Amino acid sequence: MSIYQDLILDHYRNPRNHGVLDKATHRAEALNPTCGDRLQMDILIRNDIITDVKFSGSGCAISQASASLLTEYVKKMPMTEALAIEPKDILELLGVALSPNRLKCGLLSLETLKKTLREKV
């Protein structure tokens, strides 16, 4: 098993920033209808900076690990920078090549993040 597979399994088994943020200023949910993965993201924005972020939902190891890695990555990041994150950035965080079927799983966190940043509570 590669170090990247270990990383994904670790984030899947021990997700960072998992849960609901009661004082969120932004909240949204996204779904991957192909496989049923579902993510909700709660974000607290102060002075255009992501001061806190949590995610919840269910799905495969790739979608959950991607959400865990992404929430770690964007904490303390300006909103404009977070909105500029591209799919290639997520793939770099994951560190593994994804099949076309798994690509949607890996990118669900990015879709959820961008949707959340546009939807105030």
N, C-alpha and C. Protein backbone atom coordinates (compact mmCIF):
# COMPACT_ATOMS: atom_id res chain seq x y z
N MET A 1 0.85 -1.19 0.00
CA MET A 1 0.00 0.00 0.00
C MET A 1 0.89 1.25 0.00
N SER A 2 0.53 2.22 -0.79
CA SER A 2 1.34 3.43 -0.89
C SER A 2 1.06 4.38 0.27
N ILE A 3 1.96 5.32 0.46
CA ILE A 3 1.79 6.33 1.51
C ILE A 3 0.51 7.14 1.26
N TYR A 4 0.16 7.34 -0.01
CA TYR A 4 -1.04 8.11 -0.34
C TYR A 4 -2.30 7.33 0.01
N GLN A 5 -2.27 6.03 -0.24
CA GLN A 5 -3.43 5.21 0.15
C GLN A 5 -3.57 5.22 1.66
N ASP A 6 -2.45 5.17 2.38
CA ASP A 6 -2.48 5.26 3.84
C ASP A 6 -3.09 6.58 4.29
N LEU A 7 -2.71 7.67 3.61
CA LEU A 7 -3.23 9.00 3.93
C LEU A 7 -4.75 9.03 3.75
N ILE A 8 -5.24 8.50 2.65
CA ILE A 8 -6.68 8.47 2.39
C ILE A 8 -7.40 7.64 3.45
N LEU A 9 -6.86 6.48 3.75
CA LEU A 9 -7.49 5.63 4.78
C LEU A 9 -7.48 6.30 6.14
N ASP A 10 -6.39 6.99 6.47
CA ASP A 10 -6.32 7.69 7.75
C ASP A 10 -7.38 8.79 7.83
N HIS A 11 -7.52 9.58 6.78
CA HIS A 11 -8.53 10.65 6.78
C HIS A 11 -9.95 10.10 6.74
N TYR A 12 -10.12 8.93 6.15
CA TYR A 12 -11.45 8.28 6.12
C TYR A 12 -11.79 7.75 7.52
N ARG A 13 -10.84 7.09 8.15
CA ARG A 13 -11.09 6.48 9.46
C ARG A 13 -11.08 7.50 10.59
N ASN A 14 -10.29 8.56 10.43
CA ASN A 14 -10.15 9.61 11.46
C ASN A 14 -10.33 10.97 10.80
N PRO A 15 -11.53 11.27 10.34
CA PRO A 15 -11.72 12.53 9.60
C PRO A 15 -11.47 13.76 10.47
N ARG A 16 -10.79 14.71 9.86
CA ARG A 16 -10.55 15.99 10.53
C ARG A 16 -11.73 16.91 10.20
N ASN A 17 -12.09 17.73 11.17
CA ASN A 17 -13.17 18.73 10.98
C ASN A 17 -14.52 18.09 10.65
N HIS A 18 -14.78 16.91 11.18
CA HIS A 18 -16.06 16.24 10.93
C HIS A 18 -17.06 16.70 11.98
N GLY A 19 -18.26 17.00 11.54
CA GLY A 19 -19.31 17.41 12.45
C GLY A 19 -20.08 18.59 11.87
N VAL A 20 -20.85 19.22 12.75
CA VAL A 20 -21.69 20.35 12.36
C VAL A 20 -21.21 21.58 13.14
N LEU A 21 -21.17 22.70 12.46
CA LEU A 21 -20.74 23.95 13.07
C LEU A 21 -21.99 24.77 13.40
N ASP A 22 -22.30 24.85 14.69
CA ASP A 22 -23.53 25.52 15.11
C ASP A 22 -23.60 26.99 14.72
N LYS A 23 -22.46 27.67 14.75
CA LYS A 23 -22.45 29.11 14.46
C LYS A 23 -21.99 29.41 13.04
N ALA A 24 -22.26 28.51 12.13
CA ALA A 24 -21.84 28.69 10.73
C ALA A 24 -22.50 29.91 10.12
N THR A 25 -21.74 30.61 9.29
CA THR A 25 -22.31 31.73 8.52
C THR A 25 -22.72 31.25 7.13
N HIS A 26 -22.16 30.13 6.69
CA HIS A 26 -22.44 29.56 5.38
C HIS A 26 -22.66 28.05 5.53
N ARG A 27 -23.67 27.52 4.82
CA ARG A 27 -23.96 26.09 4.88
C ARG A 27 -24.58 25.65 3.57
N ALA A 28 -24.13 24.50 3.08
CA ALA A 28 -24.74 23.93 1.88
C ALA A 28 -24.45 22.43 1.84
N GLU A 29 -25.14 21.77 0.95
CA GLU A 29 -25.00 20.33 0.78
C GLU A 29 -24.88 20.02 -0.70
N ALA A 30 -24.12 18.99 -1.01
CA ALA A 30 -24.02 18.53 -2.40
C ALA A 30 -24.09 17.00 -2.39
N LEU A 31 -24.52 16.47 -3.52
CA LEU A 31 -24.76 15.04 -3.65
C LEU A 31 -24.13 14.53 -4.94
N ASN A 32 -23.57 13.37 -4.88
CA ASN A 32 -23.10 12.68 -6.08
C ASN A 32 -24.15 11.61 -6.37
N PRO A 33 -25.08 11.88 -7.29
CA PRO A 33 -26.17 10.94 -7.54
C PRO A 33 -25.71 9.61 -8.12
N THR A 34 -24.53 9.58 -8.71
CA THR A 34 -24.01 8.35 -9.31
C THR A 34 -23.81 7.26 -8.26
N CYS A 35 -23.24 7.65 -7.11
CA CYS A 35 -22.92 6.63 -6.10
C CYS A 35 -23.61 6.88 -4.76
N GLY A 36 -24.28 8.03 -4.61
CA GLY A 36 -25.00 8.31 -3.37
C GLY A 36 -24.19 9.04 -2.31
N ASP A 37 -22.95 9.42 -2.61
CA ASP A 37 -22.16 10.20 -1.65
C ASP A 37 -22.87 11.53 -1.40
N ARG A 38 -22.86 11.96 -0.13
CA ARG A 38 -23.51 13.21 0.25
C ARG A 38 -22.62 13.94 1.24
N LEU A 39 -22.42 15.24 1.01
CA LEU A 39 -21.62 16.06 1.92
C LEU A 39 -22.39 17.32 2.28
N GLN A 40 -22.28 17.72 3.54
CA GLN A 40 -22.74 19.03 3.98
C GLN A 40 -21.51 19.73 4.53
N MET A 41 -21.38 21.00 4.24
CA MET A 41 -20.26 21.76 4.76
C MET A 41 -20.82 22.98 5.50
N ASP A 42 -20.23 23.24 6.66
CA ASP A 42 -20.56 24.41 7.48
C ASP A 42 -19.29 25.23 7.60
N ILE A 43 -19.40 26.52 7.31
CA ILE A 43 -18.23 27.39 7.33
C ILE A 43 -18.54 28.65 8.14
N LEU A 44 -17.57 29.06 8.94
CA LEU A 44 -17.65 30.32 9.67
C LEU A 44 -16.67 31.29 9.02
N ILE A 45 -17.21 32.37 8.50
CA ILE A 45 -16.40 33.40 7.83
C ILE A 45 -16.36 34.64 8.73
N ARG A 46 -15.16 35.14 8.96
CA ARG A 46 -14.96 36.40 9.68
C ARG A 46 -13.97 37.22 8.88
N ASN A 47 -14.36 38.45 8.52
CA ASN A 47 -13.49 39.34 7.74
C ASN A 47 -12.97 38.66 6.47
N ASP A 48 -13.85 37.96 5.79
CA ASP A 48 -13.55 37.25 4.53
C ASP A 48 -12.51 36.14 4.68
N ILE A 49 -12.30 35.66 5.90
CA ILE A 49 -11.38 34.54 6.16
C ILE A 49 -12.20 33.36 6.68
N ILE A 50 -11.88 32.16 6.20
CA ILE A 50 -12.53 30.95 6.71
C ILE A 50 -11.89 30.65 8.06
N THR A 51 -12.61 30.99 9.14
CA THR A 51 -12.05 30.80 10.47
C THR A 51 -12.32 29.40 11.01
N ASP A 52 -13.41 28.78 10.56
CA ASP A 52 -13.68 27.40 10.95
C ASP A 52 -14.50 26.73 9.86
N VAL A 53 -14.36 25.41 9.78
CA VAL A 53 -15.09 24.65 8.77
C VAL A 53 -15.28 23.22 9.28
N LYS A 54 -16.46 22.69 9.04
CA LYS A 54 -16.78 21.30 9.40
C LYS A 54 -17.55 20.69 8.23
N PHE A 55 -17.47 19.35 8.14
CA PHE A 55 -18.26 18.66 7.13
C PHE A 55 -18.93 17.46 7.77
N SER A 56 -20.03 17.06 7.18
CA SER A 56 -20.73 15.86 7.61
C SER A 56 -21.31 15.21 6.36
N GLY A 57 -21.82 14.02 6.52
CA GLY A 57 -22.39 13.31 5.39
C GLY A 57 -21.91 11.88 5.36
N SER A 58 -22.14 11.26 4.23
CA SER A 58 -21.75 9.86 4.11
C SER A 58 -21.25 9.60 2.70
N GLY A 59 -20.42 8.59 2.58
CA GLY A 59 -19.91 8.25 1.27
C GLY A 59 -18.71 7.35 1.35
N CYS A 60 -18.10 7.15 0.22
CA CYS A 60 -16.95 6.26 0.11
C CYS A 60 -15.71 6.90 0.75
N ALA A 61 -14.67 6.10 0.87
CA ALA A 61 -13.42 6.57 1.47
C ALA A 61 -12.85 7.78 0.74
N ILE A 62 -12.94 7.78 -0.59
CA ILE A 62 -12.38 8.89 -1.37
C ILE A 62 -13.12 10.20 -1.07
N SER A 63 -14.44 10.18 -1.09
CA SER A 63 -15.20 11.42 -0.86
C SER A 63 -15.00 11.94 0.55
N GLN A 64 -14.99 11.05 1.54
CA GLN A 64 -14.82 11.47 2.92
C GLN A 64 -13.40 11.96 3.20
N ALA A 65 -12.40 11.26 2.68
CA ALA A 65 -11.01 11.68 2.86
C ALA A 65 -10.76 13.01 2.16
N SER A 66 -11.34 13.18 0.99
CA SER A 66 -11.19 14.43 0.25
C SER A 66 -11.77 15.60 1.05
N ALA A 67 -12.92 15.40 1.67
CA ALA A 67 -13.54 16.45 2.48
C ALA A 67 -12.67 16.77 3.70
N SER A 68 -12.13 15.75 4.33
CA SER A 68 -11.27 15.95 5.49
C SER A 68 -10.01 16.73 5.11
N LEU A 69 -9.36 16.31 4.03
CA LEU A 69 -8.15 17.00 3.56
C LEU A 69 -8.45 18.44 3.15
N LEU A 70 -9.56 18.64 2.44
CA LEU A 70 -9.89 19.99 1.96
C LEU A 70 -10.23 20.93 3.11
N THR A 71 -10.95 20.44 4.12
CA THR A 71 -11.29 21.32 5.24
C THR A 71 -10.03 21.74 6.00
N GLU A 72 -9.07 20.84 6.11
CA GLU A 72 -7.78 21.22 6.72
C GLU A 72 -7.07 22.28 5.89
N TYR A 73 -7.11 22.10 4.59
CA TYR A 73 -6.42 22.97 3.64
C TYR A 73 -6.98 24.41 3.65
N VAL A 74 -8.29 24.55 3.77
CA VAL A 74 -8.90 25.89 3.62
C VAL A 74 -9.03 26.66 4.93
N LYS A 75 -8.82 26.02 6.05
CA LYS A 75 -8.94 26.72 7.33
C LYS A 75 -7.93 27.86 7.37
N LYS A 76 -8.40 29.05 7.73
CA LYS A 76 -7.60 30.29 7.80
C LYS A 76 -7.29 30.87 6.43
N MET A 77 -7.95 30.37 5.39
CA MET A 77 -7.72 30.84 4.03
C MET A 77 -8.73 31.94 3.68
N PRO A 78 -8.32 32.96 2.95
CA PRO A 78 -9.28 33.96 2.46
C PRO A 78 -10.32 33.30 1.53
N MET A 79 -11.54 33.80 1.60
CA MET A 79 -12.61 33.26 0.76
C MET A 79 -12.24 33.26 -0.72
N THR A 80 -11.63 34.34 -1.19
CA THR A 80 -11.29 34.44 -2.61
C THR A 80 -10.32 33.34 -3.03
N GLU A 81 -9.38 33.01 -2.14
CA GLU A 81 -8.43 31.93 -2.45
C GLU A 81 -9.16 30.59 -2.50
N ALA A 82 -10.06 30.36 -1.55
CA ALA A 82 -10.80 29.10 -1.50
C ALA A 82 -11.67 28.94 -2.75
N LEU A 83 -12.27 30.03 -3.21
CA LEU A 83 -13.10 29.97 -4.42
C LEU A 83 -12.28 29.70 -5.67
N ALA A 84 -10.98 29.96 -5.60
CA ALA A 84 -10.09 29.75 -6.75
C ALA A 84 -9.49 28.34 -6.80
N ILE A 85 -9.77 27.51 -5.80
CA ILE A 85 -9.23 26.14 -5.80
C ILE A 85 -9.79 25.40 -7.00
N GLU A 86 -8.93 24.65 -7.66
CA GLU A 86 -9.31 23.92 -8.87
C GLU A 86 -9.26 22.42 -8.62
N PRO A 87 -9.92 21.64 -9.48
CA PRO A 87 -9.89 20.18 -9.32
C PRO A 87 -8.48 19.61 -9.20
N LYS A 88 -7.52 20.16 -9.95
CA LYS A 88 -6.15 19.63 -9.88
C LYS A 88 -5.57 19.80 -8.47
N ASP A 89 -5.99 20.84 -7.75
CA ASP A 89 -5.52 21.06 -6.38
C ASP A 89 -6.02 19.94 -5.45
N ILE A 90 -7.26 19.52 -5.65
CA ILE A 90 -7.83 18.43 -4.85
C ILE A 90 -7.09 17.13 -5.14
N LEU A 91 -6.83 16.88 -6.41
CA LEU A 91 -6.11 15.66 -6.79
C LEU A 91 -4.71 15.65 -6.19
N GLU A 92 -4.08 16.82 -6.10
CA GLU A 92 -2.77 16.91 -5.46
C GLU A 92 -2.86 16.60 -3.97
N LEU A 93 -3.92 17.11 -3.32
CA LEU A 93 -4.11 16.82 -1.90
C LEU A 93 -4.29 15.31 -1.67
N LEU A 94 -5.07 14.68 -2.55
CA LEU A 94 -5.32 13.24 -2.42
C LEU A 94 -4.08 12.42 -2.75
N GLY A 95 -3.31 12.87 -3.73
CA GLY A 95 -2.07 12.22 -4.06
C GLY A 95 -2.19 10.90 -4.81
N VAL A 96 -3.38 10.60 -5.31
CA VAL A 96 -3.56 9.36 -6.09
C VAL A 96 -4.28 9.68 -7.38
N ALA A 97 -4.04 8.87 -8.38
CA ALA A 97 -4.78 9.00 -9.63
C ALA A 97 -6.15 8.36 -9.44
N LEU A 98 -7.19 9.06 -9.86
CA LEU A 98 -8.55 8.54 -9.71
C LEU A 98 -9.11 8.14 -11.06
N SER A 99 -9.81 7.03 -11.07
CA SER A 99 -10.49 6.59 -12.29
C SER A 99 -11.62 7.58 -12.57
N PRO A 100 -12.11 7.62 -13.82
CA PRO A 100 -13.22 8.53 -14.13
C PRO A 100 -14.42 8.36 -13.18
N ASN A 101 -14.71 7.13 -12.78
CA ASN A 101 -15.83 6.89 -11.86
C ASN A 101 -15.57 7.48 -10.48
N ARG A 102 -14.33 7.43 -10.04
CA ARG A 102 -13.97 7.93 -8.71
C ARG A 102 -13.69 9.43 -8.69
N LEU A 103 -13.49 10.03 -9.85
CA LEU A 103 -13.20 11.46 -9.92
C LEU A 103 -14.31 12.29 -9.29
N LYS A 104 -15.56 11.93 -9.57
CA LYS A 104 -16.70 12.66 -8.98
C LYS A 104 -16.69 12.55 -7.46
N CYS A 105 -16.28 11.39 -6.95
CA CYS A 105 -16.19 11.19 -5.50
C CYS A 105 -15.13 12.12 -4.91
N GLY A 106 -13.99 12.17 -5.56
CA GLY A 106 -12.89 12.99 -5.07
C GLY A 106 -13.17 14.48 -5.15
N LEU A 107 -13.98 14.89 -6.12
CA LEU A 107 -14.24 16.32 -6.32
C LEU A 107 -15.53 16.81 -5.66
N LEU A 108 -16.27 15.91 -5.04
CA LEU A 108 -17.51 16.32 -4.37
C LEU A 108 -17.23 17.34 -3.27
N SER A 109 -16.11 17.20 -2.58
CA SER A 109 -15.78 18.16 -1.51
C SER A 109 -15.57 19.57 -2.08
N LEU A 110 -14.95 19.66 -3.24
CA LEU A 110 -14.72 20.97 -3.87
C LEU A 110 -16.04 21.58 -4.31
N GLU A 111 -16.89 20.78 -4.91
CA GLU A 111 -18.22 21.26 -5.31
C GLU A 111 -18.98 21.77 -4.08
N THR A 112 -18.91 21.01 -2.97
CA THR A 112 -19.62 21.39 -1.74
C THR A 112 -19.03 22.68 -1.17
N LEU A 113 -17.70 22.79 -1.14
CA LEU A 113 -17.05 23.99 -0.62
C LEU A 113 -17.50 25.24 -1.39
N LYS A 114 -17.43 25.18 -2.70
CA LYS A 114 -17.78 26.36 -3.50
C LYS A 114 -19.26 26.72 -3.36
N LYS A 115 -20.10 25.71 -3.31
CA LYS A 115 -21.54 25.95 -3.10
C LYS A 115 -21.77 26.59 -1.72
N THR A 116 -21.06 26.08 -0.71
CA THR A 116 -21.21 26.59 0.65
C THR A 116 -20.76 28.04 0.75
N LEU A 117 -19.66 28.38 0.11
CA LEU A 117 -19.16 29.76 0.19
C LEU A 117 -20.13 30.76 -0.46
N ARG A 118 -21.02 30.27 -1.28
CA ARG A 118 -22.00 31.15 -1.96
C ARG A 118 -23.36 31.17 -1.25
N GLU A 119 -23.52 30.36 -0.20
CA GLU A 119 -24.83 30.26 0.46
C GLU A 119 -24.73 30.60 1.94
N LYS A 120 -25.17 31.80 2.28
CA LYS A 120 -25.18 32.21 3.68
C LYS A 120 -26.34 31.53 4.40
N VAL A 121 -26.13 31.32 5.70
CA VAL A 121 -27.16 30.69 6.54
C VAL A 121 -28.27 31.69 6.79
